[in-house]
Structures are given as structure tokens and as C-alpha cells.
Amino acid sequence: MVSFKIEHRTSVEKDIQKIPHKFLQKIIERIDHLSKNPYPIGCEKISGKNSYYRIRVNDYRIIYQVIEQKKLIIIERIRHRKDVYKGL
């Protein structure tokens, strides 16, 4: 099985600082699992955006881009569900 490299935008660091600690561990686990399977059960393609997907972790969403040719996943943002799609 080919594993994907995971990178993140610099804005994700600010997003992580705003997340309560009780959700942070689960979010990190879900991101780690993306390297083995970029399309896990429950992921959904974001309409209108090529190669953008989202996964849910409680009330938070992880928005990421999959670049198959480079075997790369870029974490775009991790935010509460009410704010995550604004400006995307």
C-alpha cells in the first residue's frame, strides 16, 4: 500500500490553537490515518472544488486536498462546522 505525505497550510496552526483539547487528539488521529487511506469512510467531496474533501470529527471539519500524482495530502483548514466553509 502506498502511503501519502501529509502537509498543511500555515493557517492550520492557528486553527489548531482554537480547538478545545478534548477534540484535538481525535483530529490528529484522523489526519494520521489519511496517509494510509485518503478517502476514509465518511469523507465527502466538496462540490465545486476539484480534489477537495472533508471529514467530520464531532463538530469540527478537516478540509483537505488530495494530489494523487504526487501522493500528497494538503490539510487546508480545521475549523468548527459553522465556520469551516466560509471563504473556501
PDB file of N, CA and C in Angstrom:
ATOM      1  N   MET A   1       0.842  -1.186   0.000  1.00  0.00           N
ATOM      2  CA  MET A   1       0.000   0.000   0.000  1.00  0.00           C
ATOM      3  C   MET A   1       0.884   1.246   0.000  1.00  0.00           C
ATOM      4  N   VAL A   2       0.568   2.165  -0.857  1.00  0.00           N
ATOM      5  CA  VAL A   2       1.324   3.402  -0.970  1.00  0.00           C
ATOM      6  C   VAL A   2       0.811   4.393   0.061  1.00  0.00           C
ATOM      7  N   SER A   3       1.734   5.007   0.776  1.00  0.00           N
ATOM      8  CA  SER A   3       1.296   5.999   1.748  1.00  0.00           C
ATOM      9  C   SER A   3       1.461   7.398   1.155  1.00  0.00           C
ATOM     10  N   PHE A   4       0.617   8.282   1.603  1.00  0.00           N
ATOM     11  CA  PHE A   4       0.620   9.661   1.146  1.00  0.00           C
ATOM     12  C   PHE A   4       1.379  10.521   2.156  1.00  0.00           C
ATOM     13  N   LYS A   5       2.038  11.532   1.660  1.00  0.00           N
ATOM     14  CA  LYS A   5       2.696  12.507   2.517  1.00  0.00           C
ATOM     15  C   LYS A   5       1.644  13.541   2.916  1.00  0.00           C
ATOM     16  N   ILE A   6       1.685  13.975   4.174  1.00  0.00           N
ATOM     17  CA  ILE A   6       0.711  14.953   4.655  1.00  0.00           C
ATOM     18  C   ILE A   6       1.418  16.268   4.956  1.00  0.00           C
ATOM     19  N   GLU A   7       0.900  17.338   4.363  1.00  0.00           N
ATOM     20  CA  GLU A   7       1.378  18.693   4.623  1.00  0.00           C
ATOM     21  C   GLU A   7       0.182  19.531   5.049  1.00  0.00           C
ATOM     22  N   HIS A   8       0.453  20.729   5.562  1.00  0.00           N
ATOM     23  CA  HIS A   8      -0.649  21.612   5.956  1.00  0.00           C
ATOM     24  C   HIS A   8      -0.300  23.058   5.653  1.00  0.00           C
ATOM     25  N   ARG A   9      -1.323  23.835   5.459  1.00  0.00           N
ATOM     26  CA  ARG A   9      -1.159  25.278   5.270  1.00  0.00           C
ATOM     27  C   ARG A   9      -0.743  25.890   6.606  1.00  0.00           C
ATOM     28  N   THR A  10      -0.086  27.034   6.558  1.00  0.00           N
ATOM     29  CA  THR A  10       0.335  27.682   7.805  1.00  0.00           C
ATOM     30  C   THR A  10      -0.860  28.134   8.633  1.00  0.00           C
ATOM     31  N   SER A  11      -1.978  28.397   8.000  1.00  0.00           N
ATOM     32  CA  SER A  11      -3.173  28.826   8.729  1.00  0.00           C
ATOM     33  C   SER A  11      -3.749  27.711   9.600  1.00  0.00           C
ATOM     34  N   VAL A  12      -3.407  26.470   9.309  1.00  0.00           N
ATOM     35  CA  VAL A  12      -3.907  25.340  10.094  1.00  0.00           C
ATOM     36  C   VAL A  12      -3.364  25.407  11.524  1.00  0.00           C
ATOM     37  N   GLU A  13      -2.152  25.919  11.704  1.00  0.00           N
ATOM     38  CA  GLU A  13      -1.589  26.053  13.045  1.00  0.00           C
ATOM     39  C   GLU A  13      -2.458  26.974  13.909  1.00  0.00           C
ATOM     40  N   LYS A  14      -2.967  28.039  13.325  1.00  0.00           N
ATOM     41  CA  LYS A  14      -3.877  28.934  14.051  1.00  0.00           C
ATOM     42  C   LYS A  14      -5.200  28.247  14.332  1.00  0.00           C
ATOM     43  N   ASP A  15      -5.672  27.468  13.368  1.00  0.00           N
ATOM     44  CA  ASP A  15      -6.921  26.719  13.567  1.00  0.00           C
ATOM     45  C   ASP A  15      -6.795  25.767  14.756  1.00  0.00           C
ATOM     46  N   ILE A  16      -5.671  25.080  14.852  1.00  0.00           N
ATOM     47  CA  ILE A  16      -5.467  24.101  15.920  1.00  0.00           C
ATOM     48  C   ILE A  16      -5.466  24.766  17.292  1.00  0.00           C
ATOM     49  N   GLN A  17      -4.934  25.968  17.389  1.00  0.00           N
ATOM     50  CA  GLN A  17      -4.893  26.673  18.671  1.00  0.00           C
ATOM     51  C   GLN A  17      -6.288  26.996  19.199  1.00  0.00           C
ATOM     52  N   LYS A  18      -7.261  27.078  18.324  1.00  0.00           N
ATOM     53  CA  LYS A  18      -8.626  27.433  18.715  1.00  0.00           C
ATOM     54  C   LYS A  18      -9.488  26.223  19.067  1.00  0.00           C
ATOM     55  N   ILE A  19      -8.967  25.026  18.837  1.00  0.00           N
ATOM     56  CA  ILE A  19      -9.750  23.809  19.074  1.00  0.00           C
ATOM     57  C   ILE A  19      -9.586  23.361  20.523  1.00  0.00           C
ATOM     58  N   PRO A  20     -10.674  23.034  21.207  1.00  0.00           N
ATOM     59  CA  PRO A  20     -10.566  22.517  22.581  1.00  0.00           C
ATOM     60  C   PRO A  20      -9.756  21.221  22.620  1.00  0.00           C
ATOM     61  N   HIS A  21      -8.993  21.045  23.680  1.00  0.00           N
ATOM     62  CA  HIS A  21      -8.093  19.892  23.791  1.00  0.00           C
ATOM     63  C   HIS A  21      -8.814  18.555  23.747  1.00  0.00           C
ATOM     64  N   LYS A  22     -10.047  18.517  24.189  1.00  0.00           N
ATOM     65  CA  LYS A  22     -10.752  17.242  24.211  1.00  0.00           C
ATOM     66  C   LYS A  22     -11.034  16.693  22.808  1.00  0.00           C
ATOM     67  N   PHE A  23     -11.008  17.544  21.775  1.00  0.00           N
ATOM     68  CA  PHE A  23     -11.213  17.104  20.397  1.00  0.00           C
ATOM     69  C   PHE A  23      -9.906  16.950  19.629  1.00  0.00           C
ATOM     70  N   LEU A  24      -8.861  17.547  20.124  1.00  0.00           N
ATOM     71  CA  LEU A  24      -7.606  17.626  19.382  1.00  0.00           C
ATOM     72  C   LEU A  24      -6.983  16.259  19.106  1.00  0.00           C
ATOM     73  N   GLN A  25      -6.978  15.369  20.075  1.00  0.00           N
ATOM     74  CA  GLN A  25      -6.369  14.053  19.891  1.00  0.00           C
ATOM     75  C   GLN A  25      -7.066  13.267  18.777  1.00  0.00           C
ATOM     76  N   LYS A  26      -8.383  13.297  18.761  1.00  0.00           N
ATOM     77  CA  LYS A  26      -9.140  12.575  17.728  1.00  0.00           C
ATOM     78  C   LYS A  26      -8.875  13.171  16.342  1.00  0.00           C
ATOM     79  N   ILE A  27      -8.760  14.487  16.264  1.00  0.00           N
ATOM     80  CA  ILE A  27      -8.474  15.146  14.989  1.00  0.00           C
ATOM     81  C   ILE A  27      -7.104  14.720  14.474  1.00  0.00           C
ATOM     82  N   ILE A  28      -6.122  14.686  15.352  1.00  0.00           N
ATOM     83  CA  ILE A  28      -4.771  14.279  14.954  1.00  0.00           C
ATOM     84  C   ILE A  28      -4.765  12.826  14.479  1.00  0.00           C
ATOM     85  N   GLU A  29      -5.492  11.968  15.156  1.00  0.00           N
ATOM     86  CA  GLU A  29      -5.581  10.563  14.742  1.00  0.00           C
ATOM     87  C   GLU A  29      -6.187  10.432  13.350  1.00  0.00           C
ATOM     88  N   ARG A  30      -7.251  11.186  13.099  1.00  0.00           N
ATOM     89  CA  ARG A  30      -7.906  11.108  11.781  1.00  0.00           C
ATOM     90  C   ARG A  30      -6.973  11.596  10.678  1.00  0.00           C
ATOM     91  N   ILE A  31      -6.198  12.642  10.956  1.00  0.00           N
ATOM     92  CA  ILE A  31      -5.248  13.145   9.966  1.00  0.00           C
ATOM     93  C   ILE A  31      -4.156  12.107   9.699  1.00  0.00           C
ATOM     94  N   ASP A  32      -3.664  11.462  10.748  1.00  0.00           N
ATOM     95  CA  ASP A  32      -2.641  10.425  10.574  1.00  0.00           C
ATOM     96  C   ASP A  32      -3.144   9.273   9.716  1.00  0.00           C
ATOM     97  N   HIS A  33      -4.406   8.899   9.876  1.00  0.00           N
ATOM     98  CA  HIS A  33      -4.973   7.803   9.090  1.00  0.00           C
ATOM     99  C   HIS A  33      -5.113   8.169   7.608  1.00  0.00           C
ATOM    100  N   LEU A  34      -5.172   9.459   7.304  1.00  0.00           N
ATOM    101  CA  LEU A  34      -5.278   9.882   5.902  1.00  0.00           C
ATOM    102  C   LEU A  34      -4.066   9.456   5.085  1.00  0.00           C
ATOM    103  N   SER A  35      -2.912   9.323   5.709  1.00  0.00           N
ATOM    104  CA  SER A  35      -1.716   8.935   4.958  1.00  0.00           C
ATOM    105  C   SER A  35      -1.847   7.521   4.391  1.00  0.00           C
ATOM    106  N   LYS A  36      -2.626   6.675   5.061  1.00  0.00           N
ATOM    107  CA  LYS A  36      -2.843   5.304   4.583  1.00  0.00           C
ATOM    108  C   LYS A  36      -4.043   5.213   3.646  1.00  0.00           C
ATOM    109  N   ASN A  37      -5.058   6.024   3.917  1.00  0.00           N
ATOM    110  CA  ASN A  37      -6.282   5.997   3.116  1.00  0.00           C
ATOM    111  C   ASN A  37      -6.829   7.419   2.991  1.00  0.00           C
ATOM    112  N   PRO A  38      -6.584   8.103   1.876  1.00  0.00           N
ATOM    113  CA  PRO A  38      -7.045   9.480   1.736  1.00  0.00           C
ATOM    114  C   PRO A  38      -8.554   9.617   1.543  1.00  0.00           C
ATOM    115  N   TYR A  39      -9.236   8.482   1.363  1.00  0.00           N
ATOM    116  CA  TYR A  39     -10.685   8.508   1.174  1.00  0.00           C
ATOM    117  C   TYR A  39     -11.348   7.581   2.199  1.00  0.00           C
ATOM    118  N   PRO A  40     -11.271   7.908   3.484  1.00  0.00           N
ATOM    119  CA  PRO A  40     -11.839   7.015   4.500  1.00  0.00           C
ATOM    120  C   PRO A  40     -13.360   7.018   4.461  1.00  0.00           C
ATOM    121  N   ILE A  41     -13.948   6.063   5.140  1.00  0.00           N
ATOM    122  CA  ILE A  41     -15.402   6.019   5.252  1.00  0.00           C
ATOM    123  C   ILE A  41     -15.866   7.307   5.917  1.00  0.00           C
ATOM    124  N   GLY A  42     -16.855   7.942   5.326  1.00  0.00           N
ATOM    125  CA  GLY A  42     -17.390   9.185   5.874  1.00  0.00           C
ATOM    126  C   GLY A  42     -16.820  10.438   5.242  1.00  0.00           C
ATOM    127  N   CYS A  43     -15.793  10.312   4.411  1.00  0.00           N
ATOM    128  CA  CYS A  43     -15.277  11.517   3.755  1.00  0.00           C
ATOM    129  C   CYS A  43     -16.235  11.895   2.632  1.00  0.00           C
ATOM    130  N   GLU A  44     -16.314  13.171   2.371  1.00  0.00           N
ATOM    131  CA  GLU A  44     -17.189  13.650   1.300  1.00  0.00           C
ATOM    132  C   GLU A  44     -16.440  14.646   0.439  1.00  0.00           C
ATOM    133  N   LYS A  45     -16.663  14.552  -0.854  1.00  0.00           N
ATOM    134  CA  LYS A  45     -16.075  15.508  -1.782  1.00  0.00           C
ATOM    135  C   LYS A  45     -16.802  16.831  -1.634  1.00  0.00           C
ATOM    136  N   ILE A  46     -16.059  17.910  -1.676  1.00  0.00           N
ATOM    137  CA  ILE A  46     -16.655  19.241  -1.586  1.00  0.00           C
ATOM    138  C   ILE A  46     -17.030  19.673  -2.996  1.00  0.00           C
ATOM    139  N   SER A  47     -18.297  19.962  -3.186  1.00  0.00           N
ATOM    140  CA  SER A  47     -18.769  20.321  -4.520  1.00  0.00           C
ATOM    141  C   SER A  47     -18.184  21.669  -4.943  1.00  0.00           C
ATOM    142  N   GLY A  48     -17.830  21.739  -6.199  1.00  0.00           N
ATOM    143  CA  GLY A  48     -17.273  22.971  -6.743  1.00  0.00           C
ATOM    144  C   GLY A  48     -15.773  23.093  -6.569  1.00  0.00           C
ATOM    145  N   LYS A  49     -15.167  22.154  -5.876  1.00  0.00           N
ATOM    146  CA  LYS A  49     -13.717  22.181  -5.662  1.00  0.00           C
ATOM    147  C   LYS A  49     -13.132  20.848  -6.113  1.00  0.00           C
ATOM    148  N   ASN A  50     -12.269  20.890  -7.096  1.00  0.00           N
ATOM    149  CA  ASN A  50     -11.626  19.659  -7.561  1.00  0.00           C
ATOM    150  C   ASN A  50     -10.652  19.154  -6.513  1.00  0.00           C
ATOM    151  N   SER A  51     -10.728  17.897  -6.215  1.00  0.00           N
ATOM    152  CA  SER A  51      -9.831  17.168  -5.309  1.00  0.00           C
ATOM    153  C   SER A  51      -9.867  17.654  -3.861  1.00  0.00           C
ATOM    154  N   TYR A  52     -10.927  18.360  -3.449  1.00  0.00           N
ATOM    155  CA  TYR A  52     -11.083  18.772  -2.052  1.00  0.00           C
ATOM    156  C   TYR A  52     -12.099  17.859  -1.372  1.00  0.00           C
ATOM    157  N   TYR A  53     -11.759  17.446  -0.148  1.00  0.00           N
ATOM    158  CA  TYR A  53     -12.612  16.550   0.619  1.00  0.00           C
ATOM    159  C   TYR A  53     -12.723  17.046   2.049  1.00  0.00           C
ATOM    160  N   ARG A  54     -13.695  16.481   2.770  1.00  0.00           N
ATOM    161  CA  ARG A  54     -13.836  16.828   4.178  1.00  0.00           C
ATOM    162  C   ARG A  54     -14.163  15.581   4.971  1.00  0.00           C
ATOM    163  N   ILE A  55     -13.672  15.565   6.210  1.00  0.00           N
ATOM    164  CA  ILE A  55     -14.060  14.529   7.151  1.00  0.00           C
ATOM    165  C   ILE A  55     -14.509  15.203   8.434  1.00  0.00           C
ATOM    166  N   ARG A  56     -15.429  14.560   9.118  1.00  0.00           N
ATOM    167  CA  ARG A  56     -16.008  15.086  10.349  1.00  0.00           C
ATOM    168  C   ARG A  56     -15.309  14.494  11.559  1.00  0.00           C
ATOM    169  N   VAL A  57     -15.120  15.342  12.561  1.00  0.00           N
ATOM    170  CA  VAL A  57     -14.687  14.904  13.886  1.00  0.00           C
ATOM    171  C   VAL A  57     -15.530  15.719  14.862  1.00  0.00           C
ATOM    172  N   ASN A  58     -16.580  15.089  15.376  1.00  0.00           N
ATOM    173  CA  ASN A  58     -17.564  15.773  16.222  1.00  0.00           C
ATOM    174  C   ASN A  58     -18.105  16.995  15.485  1.00  0.00           C
ATOM    175  N   ASP A  59     -17.969  18.185  16.058  1.00  0.00           N
ATOM    176  CA  ASP A  59     -18.473  19.393  15.405  1.00  0.00           C
ATOM    177  C   ASP A  59     -17.414  20.085  14.550  1.00  0.00           C
ATOM    178  N   TYR A  60     -16.282  19.442  14.358  1.00  0.00           N
ATOM    179  CA  TYR A  60     -15.191  20.025  13.583  1.00  0.00           C
ATOM    180  C   TYR A  60     -15.056  19.309  12.240  1.00  0.00           C
ATOM    181  N   ARG A  61     -14.536  20.057  11.272  1.00  0.00           N
ATOM    182  CA  ARG A  61     -14.342  19.514   9.933  1.00  0.00           C
ATOM    183  C   ARG A  61     -12.883  19.703   9.532  1.00  0.00           C
ATOM    184  N   ILE A  62     -12.345  18.687   8.898  1.00  0.00           N
ATOM    185  CA  ILE A  62     -10.996  18.750   8.346  1.00  0.00           C
ATOM    186  C   ILE A  62     -11.159  18.824   6.835  1.00  0.00           C
ATOM    187  N   ILE A  63     -10.737  19.925   6.249  1.00  0.00           N
ATOM    188  CA  ILE A  63     -10.805  20.118   4.803  1.00  0.00           C
ATOM    189  C   ILE A  63      -9.415  19.843   4.254  1.00  0.00           C
ATOM    190  N   TYR A  64      -9.334  18.957   3.272  1.00  0.00           N
ATOM    191  CA  TYR A  64      -8.029  18.612   2.727  1.00  0.00           C
ATOM    192  C   TYR A  64      -8.116  18.398   1.228  1.00  0.00           C
ATOM    193  N   GLN A  65      -6.964  18.517   0.604  1.00  0.00           N
ATOM    194  CA  GLN A  65      -6.847  18.348  -0.840  1.00  0.00           C
ATOM    195  C   GLN A  65      -5.985  17.121  -1.097  1.00  0.00           C
ATOM    196  N   VAL A  66      -6.390  16.295  -2.048  1.00  0.00           N
ATOM    197  CA  VAL A  66      -5.632  15.106  -2.415  1.00  0.00           C
ATOM    198  C   VAL A  66      -5.015  15.325  -3.796  1.00  0.00           C
ATOM    199  N   ILE A  67      -3.697  15.198  -3.861  1.00  0.00           N
ATOM    200  CA  ILE A  67      -2.988  15.295  -5.130  1.00  0.00           C
ATOM    201  C   ILE A  67      -2.418  13.907  -5.408  1.00  0.00           C
ATOM    202  N   GLU A  68      -3.160  13.140  -6.203  1.00  0.00           N
ATOM    203  CA  GLU A  68      -2.825  11.736  -6.464  1.00  0.00           C
ATOM    204  C   GLU A  68      -1.461  11.565  -7.138  1.00  0.00           C
ATOM    205  N   GLN A  69      -1.141  12.407  -8.111  1.00  0.00           N
ATOM    206  CA  GLN A  69       0.090  12.245  -8.871  1.00  0.00           C
ATOM    207  C   GLN A  69       1.325  12.340  -7.981  1.00  0.00           C
ATOM    208  N   LYS A  70       1.270  13.195  -6.977  1.00  0.00           N
ATOM    209  CA  LYS A  70       2.414  13.387  -6.074  1.00  0.00           C
ATOM    210  C   LYS A  70       2.278  12.601  -4.775  1.00  0.00           C
ATOM    211  N   LYS A  71       1.173  11.862  -4.627  1.00  0.00           N
ATOM    212  CA  LYS A  71       0.894  11.139  -3.375  1.00  0.00           C
ATOM    213  C   LYS A  71       0.994  12.097  -2.189  1.00  0.00           C
ATOM    214  N   LEU A  72       0.231  13.184  -2.293  1.00  0.00           N
ATOM    215  CA  LEU A  72       0.302  14.270  -1.317  1.00  0.00           C
ATOM    216  C   LEU A  72      -1.093  14.647  -0.842  1.00  0.00           C
ATOM    217  N   ILE A  73      -1.218  14.894   0.458  1.00  0.00           N
ATOM    218  CA  ILE A  73      -2.445  15.416   1.049  1.00  0.00           C
ATOM    219  C   ILE A  73      -2.091  16.738   1.712  1.00  0.00           C
ATOM    220  N   ILE A  74      -2.849  17.772   1.381  1.00  0.00           N
ATOM    221  CA  ILE A  74      -2.625  19.084   1.979  1.00  0.00           C
ATOM    222  C   ILE A  74      -3.833  19.413   2.850  1.00  0.00           C
ATOM    223  N   ILE A  75      -3.598  19.579   4.137  1.00  0.00           N
ATOM    224  CA  ILE A  75      -4.661  19.973   5.056  1.00  0.00           C
ATOM    225  C   ILE A  75      -4.875  21.470   4.873  1.00  0.00           C
ATOM    226  N   GLU A  76      -6.066  21.846   4.431  1.00  0.00           N
ATOM    227  CA  GLU A  76      -6.372  23.242   4.129  1.00  0.00           C
ATOM    228  C   GLU A  76      -6.855  24.005   5.363  1.00  0.00           C
ATOM    229  N   ARG A  77      -7.723  23.375   6.151  1.00  0.00           N
ATOM    230  CA  ARG A  77      -8.239  24.019   7.360  1.00  0.00           C
ATOM    231  C   ARG A  77      -8.901  23.004   8.270  1.00  0.00           C
ATOM    232  N   ILE A  78      -8.914  23.328   9.555  1.00  0.00           N
ATOM    233  CA  ILE A  78      -9.587  22.516  10.563  1.00  0.00           C
ATOM    234  C   ILE A  78     -10.367  23.513  11.421  1.00  0.00           C
ATOM    235  N   ARG A  79     -11.659  23.513  11.252  1.00  0.00           N
ATOM    236  CA  ARG A  79     -12.475  24.502  11.960  1.00  0.00           C
ATOM    237  C   ARG A  79     -13.811  23.907  12.376  1.00  0.00           C
ATOM    238  N   HIS A  80     -14.509  24.676  13.202  1.00  0.00           N
ATOM    239  CA  HIS A  80     -15.853  24.296  13.619  1.00  0.00           C
ATOM    240  C   HIS A  80     -16.750  24.292  12.390  1.00  0.00           C
ATOM    241  N   ARG A  81     -17.748  23.435  12.414  1.00  0.00           N
ATOM    242  CA  ARG A  81     -18.607  23.266  11.232  1.00  0.00           C
ATOM    243  C   ARG A  81     -19.313  24.535  10.805  1.00  0.00           C
ATOM    244  N   LYS A  82     -19.552  25.470  11.734  1.00  0.00           N
ATOM    245  CA  LYS A  82     -20.245  26.711  11.355  1.00  0.00           C
ATOM    246  C   LYS A  82     -19.331  27.690  10.614  1.00  0.00           C
ATOM    247  N   ASP A  83     -18.004  27.517  10.747  1.00  0.00           N
ATOM    248  CA  ASP A  83     -17.064  28.456  10.133  1.00  0.00           C
ATOM    249  C   ASP A  83     -16.220  27.884   9.007  1.00  0.00           C
ATOM    250  N   VAL A  84     -16.189  26.592   8.875  1.00  0.00           N
ATOM    251  CA  VAL A  84     -15.203  25.960   8.001  1.00  0.00           C
ATOM    252  C   VAL A  84     -15.390  26.284   6.515  1.00  0.00           C
ATOM    253  N   TYR A  85     -16.595  26.489   6.060  1.00  0.00           N
ATOM    254  CA  TYR A  85     -16.834  26.684   4.633  1.00  0.00           C
ATOM    255  C   TYR A  85     -16.812  28.148   4.210  1.00  0.00           C
ATOM    256  N   LYS A  86     -16.741  29.078   5.169  1.00  0.00           N
ATOM    257  CA  LYS A  86     -16.711  30.491   4.837  1.00  0.00           C
ATOM    258  C   LYS A  86     -15.394  30.852   4.144  1.00  0.00           C
ATOM    259  N   GLY A  87     -15.500  31.394   2.961  1.00  0.00           N
ATOM    260  CA  GLY A  87     -14.327  31.820   2.216  1.00  0.00           C
ATOM    261  C   GLY A  87     -13.570  30.705   1.532  1.00  0.00           C
ATOM    262  N   LEU A  88     -14.150  29.535   1.504  1.00  0.00           N
ATOM    263  CA  LEU A  88     -13.472  28.407   0.861  1.00  0.00           C
ATOM    264  C   LEU A  88     -13.674  28.527  -0.626  1.00  0.00           C
TER     265      LEU A  88
END
